[in-house]
Amino acid sequence: MTLIKRKLGRQGLEVSAIGLGCMPMSQSYGPADEGESIATLHRAIELGCNFFFDTAEGYGPFTNEALLGRAFKDRRDQVIIGTKFGFLFKDGKQVGAEKSQPARTNPRSRRSSVTPASD
């Protein structure tokens, strides 16, 4: 099976037309199974999915991005990760959102959440 690829923008970034939403791997639909989640993520790569492993700091919170970091620690060059940001947290719970403007975020903290510490 080969997934259709699409080019995004002018930099030549080529991504699979079908992606994988990762929220249920950390919350919402019952208990999460990390082993099963990582196996699913690895299988998606094998099937040609390289894009939109969709995550957010609000999933867990913070646990979904960390899961992707662990799953892709030896495969980070094979995937493109999309993450949402701008959530407000208090005592580990999401309590709202701030004005989500990329210029107001910290790209280093976003990258570190999905990149293993050994990188």
C-alpha atoms as a PDB file:
ATOM      1  CA  MET A   1       0.000   0.000   0.000  1.00  0.00           C
ATOM      2  CA  THR A   2       1.301   3.416  -0.938  1.00  0.00           C
ATOM      3  CA  LEU A   3      -0.308   6.601   0.277  1.00  0.00           C
ATOM      4  CA  ILE A   4      -0.654   9.584  -2.019  1.00  0.00           C
ATOM      5  CA  LYS A   5       1.850  12.335  -1.213  1.00  0.00           C
ATOM      6  CA  ARG A   6       1.300  16.086  -1.457  1.00  0.00           C
ATOM      7  CA  LYS A   7       3.712  18.990  -1.449  1.00  0.00           C
ATOM      8  CA  LEU A   8       3.045  21.745   1.056  1.00  0.00           C
ATOM      9  CA  GLY A   9       4.200  25.278   0.464  1.00  0.00           C
ATOM     10  CA  ARG A  10       7.260  26.250  -1.526  1.00  0.00           C
ATOM     11  CA  GLN A  11       9.929  24.541   0.550  1.00  0.00           C
ATOM     12  CA  GLY A  12       9.209  21.123  -0.952  1.00  0.00           C
ATOM     13  CA  LEU A  13       7.834  19.472   2.190  1.00  0.00           C
ATOM     14  CA  GLU A  14       6.149  16.288   0.955  1.00  0.00           C
ATOM     15  CA  VAL A  15       3.572  14.665   3.198  1.00  0.00           C
ATOM     16  CA  SER A  16       1.087  11.831   3.033  1.00  0.00           C
ATOM     17  CA  ALA A  17      -2.430  12.927   2.078  1.00  0.00           C
ATOM     18  CA  ILE A  18      -3.794  10.890   4.984  1.00  0.00           C
ATOM     19  CA  GLY A  19      -2.609  11.518   8.515  1.00  0.00           C
ATOM     20  CA  LEU A  20      -3.267  10.077  11.938  1.00  0.00           C
ATOM     21  CA  GLY A  21      -4.992  11.858  14.814  1.00  0.00           C
ATOM     22  CA  CYS A  22      -3.389  10.835  18.098  1.00  0.00           C
ATOM     23  CA  MET A  23      -5.686  12.259  20.793  1.00  0.00           C
ATOM     24  CA  PRO A  24      -7.300   8.896  21.655  1.00  0.00           C
ATOM     25  CA  MET A  25      -3.863   7.495  22.412  1.00  0.00           C
ATOM     26  CA  SER A  26      -3.781   9.585  25.597  1.00  0.00           C
ATOM     27  CA  GLN A  27      -7.358  10.451  26.522  1.00  0.00           C
ATOM     28  CA  SER A  28     -11.076  10.564  25.776  1.00  0.00           C
ATOM     29  CA  TYR A  29     -12.002   7.035  24.682  1.00  0.00           C
ATOM     30  CA  GLY A  30     -11.048   4.939  27.685  1.00  0.00           C
ATOM     31  CA  PRO A  31      -7.728   3.878  29.139  1.00  0.00           C
ATOM     32  CA  ALA A  32      -4.689   4.419  26.941  1.00  0.00           C
ATOM     33  CA  ASP A  33      -2.471   1.484  26.000  1.00  0.00           C
ATOM     34  CA  GLU A  34       0.996   2.861  25.252  1.00  0.00           C
ATOM     35  CA  GLY A  35       2.277  -0.343  23.643  1.00  0.00           C
ATOM     36  CA  GLU A  36      -0.698  -0.523  21.294  1.00  0.00           C
ATOM     37  CA  SER A  37      -0.432   3.186  20.524  1.00  0.00           C
ATOM     38  CA  ILE A  38       3.255   2.942  19.631  1.00  0.00           C
ATOM     39  CA  ALA A  39       2.579  -0.159  17.482  1.00  0.00           C
ATOM     40  CA  THR A  40      -0.153   1.814  15.654  1.00  0.00           C
ATOM     41  CA  LEU A  41       2.186   4.759  15.079  1.00  0.00           C
ATOM     42  CA  HIS A  42       4.920   2.485  13.739  1.00  0.00           C
ATOM     43  CA  ARG A  43       2.453   0.682  11.458  1.00  0.00           C
ATOM     44  CA  ALA A  44       1.222   4.002  10.081  1.00  0.00           C
ATOM     45  CA  ILE A  45       4.806   4.808   9.061  1.00  0.00           C
ATOM     46  CA  GLU A  46       5.176   1.385   7.439  1.00  0.00           C
ATOM     47  CA  LEU A  47       2.027   2.089   5.406  1.00  0.00           C
ATOM     48  CA  GLY A  48       3.450   5.377   4.162  1.00  0.00           C
ATOM     49  CA  CYS A  49       1.839   7.816   6.570  1.00  0.00           C
ATOM     50  CA  ASN A  50       4.423  10.431   7.425  1.00  0.00           C
ATOM     51  CA  PHE A  51       2.273  13.432   8.218  1.00  0.00           C
ATOM     52  CA  PHE A  52      -0.014  14.860  10.705  1.00  0.00           C
ATOM     53  CA  PHE A  53       0.586  12.745  13.599  1.00  0.00           C
ATOM     54  CA  ASP A  54      -1.831  15.240  15.077  1.00  0.00           C
ATOM     55  CA  THR A  55      -1.239  16.053  18.723  1.00  0.00           C
ATOM     56  CA  ALA A  56      -1.602  18.908  21.188  1.00  0.00           C
ATOM     57  CA  GLU A  57      -0.253  19.926  24.547  1.00  0.00           C
ATOM     58  CA  GLY A  58      -3.859  19.689  25.744  1.00  0.00           C
ATOM     59  CA  TYR A  59      -4.049  15.957  25.085  1.00  0.00           C
ATOM     60  CA  GLY A  60      -3.264  14.400  28.416  1.00  0.00           C
ATOM     61  CA  PRO A  61      -2.325  17.216  29.093  1.00  0.00           C
ATOM     62  CA  PHE A  62       1.213  17.015  27.735  1.00  0.00           C
ATOM     63  CA  THR A  63       1.286  13.206  27.618  1.00  0.00           C
ATOM     64  CA  ASN A  64       0.371  12.841  23.940  1.00  0.00           C
ATOM     65  CA  GLU A  65       3.321  14.858  22.664  1.00  0.00           C
ATOM     66  CA  ALA A  66       5.620  12.880  24.985  1.00  0.00           C
ATOM     67  CA  LEU A  67       4.148   9.615  23.634  1.00  0.00           C
ATOM     68  CA  LEU A  68       5.002  10.662  20.082  1.00  0.00           C
ATOM     69  CA  GLY A  69       8.508  11.562  21.238  1.00  0.00           C
ATOM     70  CA  ARG A  70       8.987   8.052  22.627  1.00  0.00           C
ATOM     71  CA  ALA A  71       7.398   6.363  19.609  1.00  0.00           C
ATOM     72  CA  PHE A  72       9.473   8.279  17.073  1.00  0.00           C
ATOM     73  CA  LYS A  73      12.784   8.438  18.951  1.00  0.00           C
ATOM     74  CA  ASP A  74      14.515   6.351  16.260  1.00  0.00           C
ATOM     75  CA  ARG A  75      12.260   7.492  13.408  1.00  0.00           C
ATOM     76  CA  ARG A  76      12.021  11.263  13.884  1.00  0.00           C
ATOM     77  CA  ASP A  77      13.460  11.905  10.405  1.00  0.00           C
ATOM     78  CA  GLN A  78      10.572   9.903   8.880  1.00  0.00           C
ATOM     79  CA  VAL A  79       7.649  11.916  10.241  1.00  0.00           C
ATOM     80  CA  ILE A  80       6.105  15.383  10.292  1.00  0.00           C
ATOM     81  CA  ILE A  81       4.271  16.221  13.509  1.00  0.00           C
ATOM     82  CA  GLY A  82       1.468  18.754  13.787  1.00  0.00           C
ATOM     83  CA  THR A  83       0.735  20.103  17.252  1.00  0.00           C
ATOM     84  CA  LYS A  84      -1.748  22.603  18.576  1.00  0.00           C
ATOM     85  CA  PHE A  85      -0.812  25.179  21.189  1.00  0.00           C
ATOM     86  CA  GLY A  86      -2.176  28.085  23.162  1.00  0.00           C
ATOM     87  CA  PHE A  87      -3.890  26.201  25.965  1.00  0.00           C
ATOM     88  CA  LEU A  88      -3.990  27.523  29.512  1.00  0.00           C
ATOM     89  CA  PHE A  89      -3.499  25.029  32.343  1.00  0.00           C
ATOM     90  CA  LYS A  90      -4.007  25.204  36.079  1.00  0.00           C
ATOM     91  CA  ASP A  91      -3.143  22.334  38.404  1.00  0.00           C
ATOM     92  CA  GLY A  92      -2.634  20.024  35.410  1.00  0.00           C
ATOM     93  CA  LYS A  93      -6.043  20.718  33.877  1.00  0.00           C
ATOM     94  CA  GLN A  94      -6.902  22.765  30.814  1.00  0.00           C
ATOM     95  CA  VAL A  95      -8.831  25.843  31.909  1.00  0.00           C
ATOM     96  CA  GLY A  96      -8.973  27.839  28.701  1.00  0.00           C
ATOM     97  CA  ALA A  97      -6.936  29.112  25.816  1.00  0.00           C
ATOM     98  CA  GLU A  98      -4.782  32.098  25.171  1.00  0.00           C
ATOM     99  CA  LYS A  99      -4.617  33.983  21.926  1.00  0.00           C
ATOM    100  CA  SER A 100      -2.912  31.374  19.764  1.00  0.00           C
ATOM    101  CA  GLN A 101      -0.352  33.151  17.675  1.00  0.00           C
ATOM    102  CA  PRO A 102       2.747  31.243  16.607  1.00  0.00           C
ATOM    103  CA  ALA A 103       4.890  34.304  17.325  1.00  0.00           C
ATOM    104  CA  ARG A 104       3.845  34.073  20.996  1.00  0.00           C
ATOM    105  CA  THR A 105       4.865  30.436  21.396  1.00  0.00           C
ATOM    106  CA  ASN A 106       8.201  28.921  22.227  1.00  0.00           C
ATOM    107  CA  PRO A 107       9.260  26.657  19.316  1.00  0.00           C
ATOM    108  CA  ARG A 108      12.040  25.132  21.415  1.00  0.00           C
ATOM    109  CA  SER A 109       9.548  23.887  24.020  1.00  0.00           C
ATOM    110  CA  ARG A 110       7.269  22.516  21.280  1.00  0.00           C
ATOM    111  CA  ARG A 111      10.158  20.651  19.685  1.00  0.00           C
ATOM    112  CA  SER A 112      11.494  19.339  22.976  1.00  0.00           C
ATOM    113  CA  SER A 113       8.122  17.825  23.816  1.00  0.00           C
ATOM    114  CA  VAL A 114       8.310  15.498  20.808  1.00  0.00           C
ATOM    115  CA  THR A 115      12.067  15.017  20.592  1.00  0.00           C
ATOM    116  CA  PRO A 116      13.788  12.555  22.901  1.00  0.00           C
ATOM    117  CA  ALA A 117      16.202  14.041  25.413  1.00  0.00           C
ATOM    118  CA  SER A 118      19.068  12.162  23.769  1.00  0.00           C
ATOM    119  CA  ASP A 119      18.743  14.286  20.576  1.00  0.00           C
END
